[in-house]
Amino acid sequence: MKTHVIVNGEAHDRDVGPRLLLSDFIRQALGLTGTNVGCEYGVCGSCTVLLDGEPVRSCITLAVQVDGRRLTTVEGLTNGEDLHALQRAFTACHGLQCGFCTPGFLMTLLPVYNRAKHLEADEIREVISGNLCRCTGYQQIVEAVRLALNGAAALAESPTDDG
């Protein structure tokens, strides 16, 4: 099946099988290996990408479903060598350890970052509740989002103030 998709601003025309998963298309056909596949059931969130600006699990989405649409992967966050504010905040707050889940968290959070001016810690936890991390305990991720959204003043508050 012929599929036309804009990925990170670049047009791609490919023949894809009717059962090819979007995650496999991204990683194998396009060579964009930042999208990770964890559970392969859509539960862990590691494979999250943006489809027309909204987060989707690429391990349970078919490549043919993106025909004529816009896709953003974690590779699309950077501007040359410049990291996105979310990426810088994750680094500053140690919001990643092994890094396997990080692309999925970033892609889940990007629409929120683009829309929100301020979120409380419990609202951030709600947004990331569909993403699993086995390393961080999530507090550093919450702090990273607060830093990215709310600026350095967010880190001045005690982490215990969040509950």
C-alpha atoms as a PDB file:
ATOM      1  CA  MET A   1       0.000   0.000   0.000  1.00  0.00           C
ATOM      2  CA  LYS A   2       1.302   3.442  -0.912  1.00  0.00           C
ATOM      3  CA  THR A   3       1.685   5.690   2.093  1.00  0.00           C
ATOM      4  CA  HIS A   4       2.567   9.377   2.135  1.00  0.00           C
ATOM      5  CA  VAL A   5       3.491  10.888   5.482  1.00  0.00           C
ATOM      6  CA  ILE A   6       5.284  14.005   6.694  1.00  0.00           C
ATOM      7  CA  VAL A   7       7.762  12.956   9.404  1.00  0.00           C
ATOM      8  CA  ASN A   8       9.510  15.693  11.358  1.00  0.00           C
ATOM      9  CA  GLY A   9       8.757  18.088   8.522  1.00  0.00           C
ATOM     10  CA  GLU A  10      10.075  15.822   5.749  1.00  0.00           C
ATOM     11  CA  ALA A  11       7.843  14.067   3.197  1.00  0.00           C
ATOM     12  CA  HIS A  12       8.130  10.295   2.855  1.00  0.00           C
ATOM     13  CA  ASP A  13       6.430   8.098   0.272  1.00  0.00           C
ATOM     14  CA  ARG A  14       6.696   4.384   0.952  1.00  0.00           C
ATOM     15  CA  ASP A  15       5.080   1.102   0.094  1.00  0.00           C
ATOM     16  CA  VAL A  16       4.011  -0.517   3.363  1.00  0.00           C
ATOM     17  CA  GLY A  17       2.366  -3.808   4.182  1.00  0.00           C
ATOM     18  CA  PRO A  18      -1.170  -3.620   5.557  1.00  0.00           C
ATOM     19  CA  ARG A  19      -0.076  -5.026   8.945  1.00  0.00           C
ATOM     20  CA  LEU A  20       3.188  -3.107   9.368  1.00  0.00           C
ATOM     21  CA  LEU A  21       3.247  -1.390  12.740  1.00  0.00           C
ATOM     22  CA  LEU A  22       4.011   2.310  12.831  1.00  0.00           C
ATOM     23  CA  SER A  23       6.855   1.678  15.299  1.00  0.00           C
ATOM     24  CA  ASP A  24       8.491  -0.715  12.832  1.00  0.00           C
ATOM     25  CA  PHE A  25       7.940   1.725   9.964  1.00  0.00           C
ATOM     26  CA  ILE A  26       9.585   4.532  11.941  1.00  0.00           C
ATOM     27  CA  ARG A  27      12.535   2.449  13.110  1.00  0.00           C
ATOM     28  CA  GLN A  28      13.164   0.272  10.058  1.00  0.00           C
ATOM     29  CA  ALA A  29      11.869   2.069   6.969  1.00  0.00           C
ATOM     30  CA  LEU A  30      12.833   5.557   8.138  1.00  0.00           C
ATOM     31  CA  GLY A  31      15.831   4.690  10.330  1.00  0.00           C
ATOM     32  CA  LEU A  32      14.596   6.842  13.218  1.00  0.00           C
ATOM     33  CA  THR A  33      15.589   4.728  16.197  1.00  0.00           C
ATOM     34  CA  GLY A  34      14.722   7.209  18.961  1.00  0.00           C
ATOM     35  CA  THR A  35      11.227   5.733  19.185  1.00  0.00           C
ATOM     36  CA  ASN A  36      11.573   2.746  21.499  1.00  0.00           C
ATOM     37  CA  VAL A  37       9.358  -0.307  21.708  1.00  0.00           C
ATOM     38  CA  GLY A  38       8.858  -1.717  25.178  1.00  0.00           C
ATOM     39  CA  CYS A  39       5.730  -3.698  25.891  1.00  0.00           C
ATOM     40  CA  GLU A  40       4.329  -3.931  22.332  1.00  0.00           C
ATOM     41  CA  TYR A  41       0.802  -3.642  23.785  1.00  0.00           C
ATOM     42  CA  GLY A  42       0.457   0.155  24.062  1.00  0.00           C
ATOM     43  CA  VAL A  43       0.777   0.102  27.845  1.00  0.00           C
ATOM     44  CA  CYS A  44       4.256   1.433  28.664  1.00  0.00           C
ATOM     45  CA  GLY A  45       4.304   4.556  26.481  1.00  0.00           C
ATOM     46  CA  SER A  46       7.899   4.154  25.290  1.00  0.00           C
ATOM     47  CA  CYS A  47       6.804   4.177  21.644  1.00  0.00           C
ATOM     48  CA  THR A  48       4.751   7.373  21.854  1.00  0.00           C
ATOM     49  CA  VAL A  49       4.947   9.700  18.864  1.00  0.00           C
ATOM     50  CA  LEU A  50       2.773  12.608  17.763  1.00  0.00           C
ATOM     51  CA  LEU A  51       0.266  12.060  14.982  1.00  0.00           C
ATOM     52  CA  ASP A  52      -1.132  15.384  13.798  1.00  0.00           C
ATOM     53  CA  GLY A  53       0.080  16.842  17.090  1.00  0.00           C
ATOM     54  CA  GLU A  54      -1.494  14.293  19.416  1.00  0.00           C
ATOM     55  CA  PRO A  55       0.276  11.442  21.231  1.00  0.00           C
ATOM     56  CA  VAL A  56      -0.295   7.926  19.888  1.00  0.00           C
ATOM     57  CA  ARG A  57       1.286   4.576  20.688  1.00  0.00           C
ATOM     58  CA  SER A  58       3.186   3.571  17.594  1.00  0.00           C
ATOM     59  CA  CYS A  59       3.315  -0.094  18.626  1.00  0.00           C
ATOM     60  CA  ILE A  60      -0.455  -0.433  18.235  1.00  0.00           C
ATOM     61  CA  THR A  61      -0.914   1.890  15.260  1.00  0.00           C
ATOM     62  CA  LEU A  62      -0.581   0.629  11.706  1.00  0.00           C
ATOM     63  CA  ALA A  63       1.698   2.460   9.300  1.00  0.00           C
ATOM     64  CA  VAL A  64      -1.127   2.696   6.733  1.00  0.00           C
ATOM     65  CA  GLN A  65      -3.118   4.745   9.261  1.00  0.00           C
ATOM     66  CA  VAL A  66      -0.698   7.660   8.943  1.00  0.00           C
ATOM     67  CA  ASP A  67      -1.222   8.118   5.194  1.00  0.00           C
ATOM     68  CA  GLY A  68      -1.640  11.814   4.461  1.00  0.00           C
ATOM     69  CA  ARG A  69      -0.831  12.860   8.008  1.00  0.00           C
ATOM     70  CA  ARG A  70       1.942  14.547   9.999  1.00  0.00           C
ATOM     71  CA  LEU A  71       4.130  12.547  12.350  1.00  0.00           C
ATOM     72  CA  THR A  72       6.620  13.854  14.897  1.00  0.00           C
ATOM     73  CA  THR A  73       9.169  11.597  16.551  1.00  0.00           C
ATOM     74  CA  VAL A  74      11.631  12.440  19.305  1.00  0.00           C
ATOM     75  CA  GLU A  75      14.199  13.238  16.617  1.00  0.00           C
ATOM     76  CA  GLY A  76      11.940  16.130  15.602  1.00  0.00           C
ATOM     77  CA  LEU A  77      12.371  17.878  18.948  1.00  0.00           C
ATOM     78  CA  THR A  78      15.874  19.158  18.358  1.00  0.00           C
ATOM     79  CA  ASN A  79      16.789  22.079  16.207  1.00  0.00           C
ATOM     80  CA  GLY A  80      20.198  21.067  14.929  1.00  0.00           C
ATOM     81  CA  GLU A  81      22.351  20.783  18.034  1.00  0.00           C
ATOM     82  CA  ASP A  82      19.877  22.688  20.216  1.00  0.00           C
ATOM     83  CA  LEU A  83      17.817  20.533  22.561  1.00  0.00           C
ATOM     84  CA  HIS A  84      14.162  21.300  23.219  1.00  0.00           C
ATOM     85  CA  ALA A  85      13.363  22.905  26.592  1.00  0.00           C
ATOM     86  CA  LEU A  86      11.848  19.613  27.796  1.00  0.00           C
ATOM     87  CA  GLN A  87      15.027  17.737  26.907  1.00  0.00           C
ATOM     88  CA  ARG A  88      17.182  20.320  28.700  1.00  0.00           C
ATOM     89  CA  ALA A  89      14.937  20.152  31.768  1.00  0.00           C
ATOM     90  CA  PHE A  90      15.035  16.334  31.856  1.00  0.00           C
ATOM     91  CA  THR A  91      18.822  16.564  31.824  1.00  0.00           C
ATOM     92  CA  ALA A  92      18.993  19.303  34.466  1.00  0.00           C
ATOM     93  CA  CYS A  93      16.620  17.481  36.838  1.00  0.00           C
ATOM     94  CA  HIS A  94      17.981  13.986  36.221  1.00  0.00           C
ATOM     95  CA  GLY A  95      14.571  13.036  34.836  1.00  0.00           C
ATOM     96  CA  LEU A  96      16.145  10.167  32.971  1.00  0.00           C
ATOM     97  CA  GLN A  97      18.403   7.353  34.000  1.00  0.00           C
ATOM     98  CA  CYS A  98      18.580   4.531  31.510  1.00  0.00           C
ATOM     99  CA  GLY A  99      16.721   6.740  29.003  1.00  0.00           C
ATOM    100  CA  PHE A 100      14.639   3.987  27.429  1.00  0.00           C
ATOM    101  CA  CYS A 101      11.300   5.550  28.376  1.00  0.00           C
ATOM    102  CA  THR A 102      12.418   9.152  27.878  1.00  0.00           C
ATOM    103  CA  PRO A 103      11.384   9.573  24.213  1.00  0.00           C
ATOM    104  CA  GLY A 104       7.856   8.437  25.086  1.00  0.00           C
ATOM    105  CA  PHE A 105       7.654  10.826  28.033  1.00  0.00           C
ATOM    106  CA  LEU A 106       8.918  13.714  25.903  1.00  0.00           C
ATOM    107  CA  MET A 107       6.428  13.057  23.133  1.00  0.00           C
ATOM    108  CA  THR A 108       3.567  12.668  25.621  1.00  0.00           C
ATOM    109  CA  LEU A 109       4.524  15.962  27.250  1.00  0.00           C
ATOM    110  CA  LEU A 110       5.176  18.024  24.110  1.00  0.00           C
ATOM    111  CA  PRO A 111       1.517  18.940  23.397  1.00  0.00           C
ATOM    112  CA  VAL A 112       1.084  19.878  27.061  1.00  0.00           C
ATOM    113  CA  TYR A 113       4.234  21.982  26.937  1.00  0.00           C
ATOM    114  CA  ASN A 114       3.002  23.704  23.782  1.00  0.00           C
ATOM    115  CA  ARG A 115      -0.391  24.554  25.345  1.00  0.00           C
ATOM    116  CA  ALA A 116       0.240  25.063  29.060  1.00  0.00           C
ATOM    117  CA  LYS A 117       1.583  28.018  30.930  1.00  0.00           C
ATOM    118  CA  HIS A 118       1.563  26.343  34.323  1.00  0.00           C
ATOM    119  CA  LEU A 119       0.686  22.933  35.744  1.00  0.00           C
ATOM    120  CA  GLU A 120       0.624  21.756  39.315  1.00  0.00           C
ATOM    121  CA  ALA A 121       2.544  18.612  40.210  1.00  0.00           C
ATOM    122  CA  ASP A 122      -0.621  16.503  40.420  1.00  0.00           C
ATOM    123  CA  GLU A 123      -1.641  17.669  36.925  1.00  0.00           C
ATOM    124  CA  ILE A 124       1.790  16.693  35.592  1.00  0.00           C
ATOM    125  CA  ARG A 125       1.457  13.274  37.214  1.00  0.00           C
ATOM    126  CA  GLU A 126      -1.911  12.838  35.514  1.00  0.00           C
ATOM    127  CA  VAL A 127      -0.417  13.661  32.103  1.00  0.00           C
ATOM    128  CA  ILE A 128       2.426  11.147  32.529  1.00  0.00           C
ATOM    129  CA  SER A 129       0.305   8.463  34.187  1.00  0.00           C
ATOM    130  CA  GLY A 130       0.234   6.438  30.975  1.00  0.00           C
ATOM    131  CA  ASN A 131       4.018   6.245  30.728  1.00  0.00           C
ATOM    132  CA  LEU A 132       6.038   3.738  32.699  1.00  0.00           C
ATOM    133  CA  CYS A 133       9.542   4.254  34.052  1.00  0.00           C
ATOM    134  CA  ARG A 134      11.435   1.656  36.041  1.00  0.00           C
ATOM    135  CA  CYS A 135      14.350   3.887  37.059  1.00  0.00           C
ATOM    136  CA  THR A 136      13.439   7.376  38.244  1.00  0.00           C
ATOM    137  CA  GLY A 137      10.556   7.088  40.682  1.00  0.00           C
ATOM    138  CA  TYR A 138       8.884   9.857  38.614  1.00  0.00           C
ATOM    139  CA  GLN A 139       9.703  12.740  40.975  1.00  0.00           C
ATOM    140  CA  GLN A 140      12.590  13.903  38.811  1.00  0.00           C
ATOM    141  CA  ILE A 141      10.329  13.745  35.756  1.00  0.00           C
ATOM    142  CA  VAL A 142       7.716  15.893  37.506  1.00  0.00           C
ATOM    143  CA  GLU A 143      10.443  18.368  38.468  1.00  0.00           C
ATOM    144  CA  ALA A 144      11.730  18.440  34.890  1.00  0.00           C
ATOM    145  CA  VAL A 145       8.270  19.258  33.552  1.00  0.00           C
ATOM    146  CA  ARG A 146       7.832  21.943  36.176  1.00  0.00           C
ATOM    147  CA  LEU A 147      11.172  23.438  35.192  1.00  0.00           C
ATOM    148  CA  ALA A 148      10.324  23.401  31.490  1.00  0.00           C
ATOM    149  CA  LEU A 149       6.818  24.803  31.978  1.00  0.00           C
ATOM    150  CA  ASN A 150       7.247  27.108  34.907  1.00  0.00           C
ATOM    151  CA  GLY A 151      10.897  28.121  34.816  1.00  0.00           C
ATOM    152  CA  ALA A 152      13.607  27.864  37.446  1.00  0.00           C
ATOM    153  CA  ALA A 153      11.313  29.128  40.218  1.00  0.00           C
ATOM    154  CA  ALA A 154       9.501  25.787  40.104  1.00  0.00           C
ATOM    155  CA  LEU A 155      12.618  24.036  41.352  1.00  0.00           C
ATOM    156  CA  ALA A 156      13.033  26.406  44.272  1.00  0.00           C
ATOM    157  CA  GLU A 157       9.993  24.823  45.922  1.00  0.00           C
ATOM    158  CA  SER A 158      10.643  21.757  48.030  1.00  0.00           C
ATOM    159  CA  PRO A 159       9.823  18.464  46.232  1.00  0.00           C
ATOM    160  CA  THR A 160       7.976  17.385  49.373  1.00  0.00           C
ATOM    161  CA  ASP A 161       5.493  20.217  48.823  1.00  0.00           C
ATOM    162  CA  ASP A 162       4.060  18.140  45.974  1.00  0.00           C
ATOM    163  CA  GLY A 163       2.881  15.265  48.088  1.00  0.00           C
END
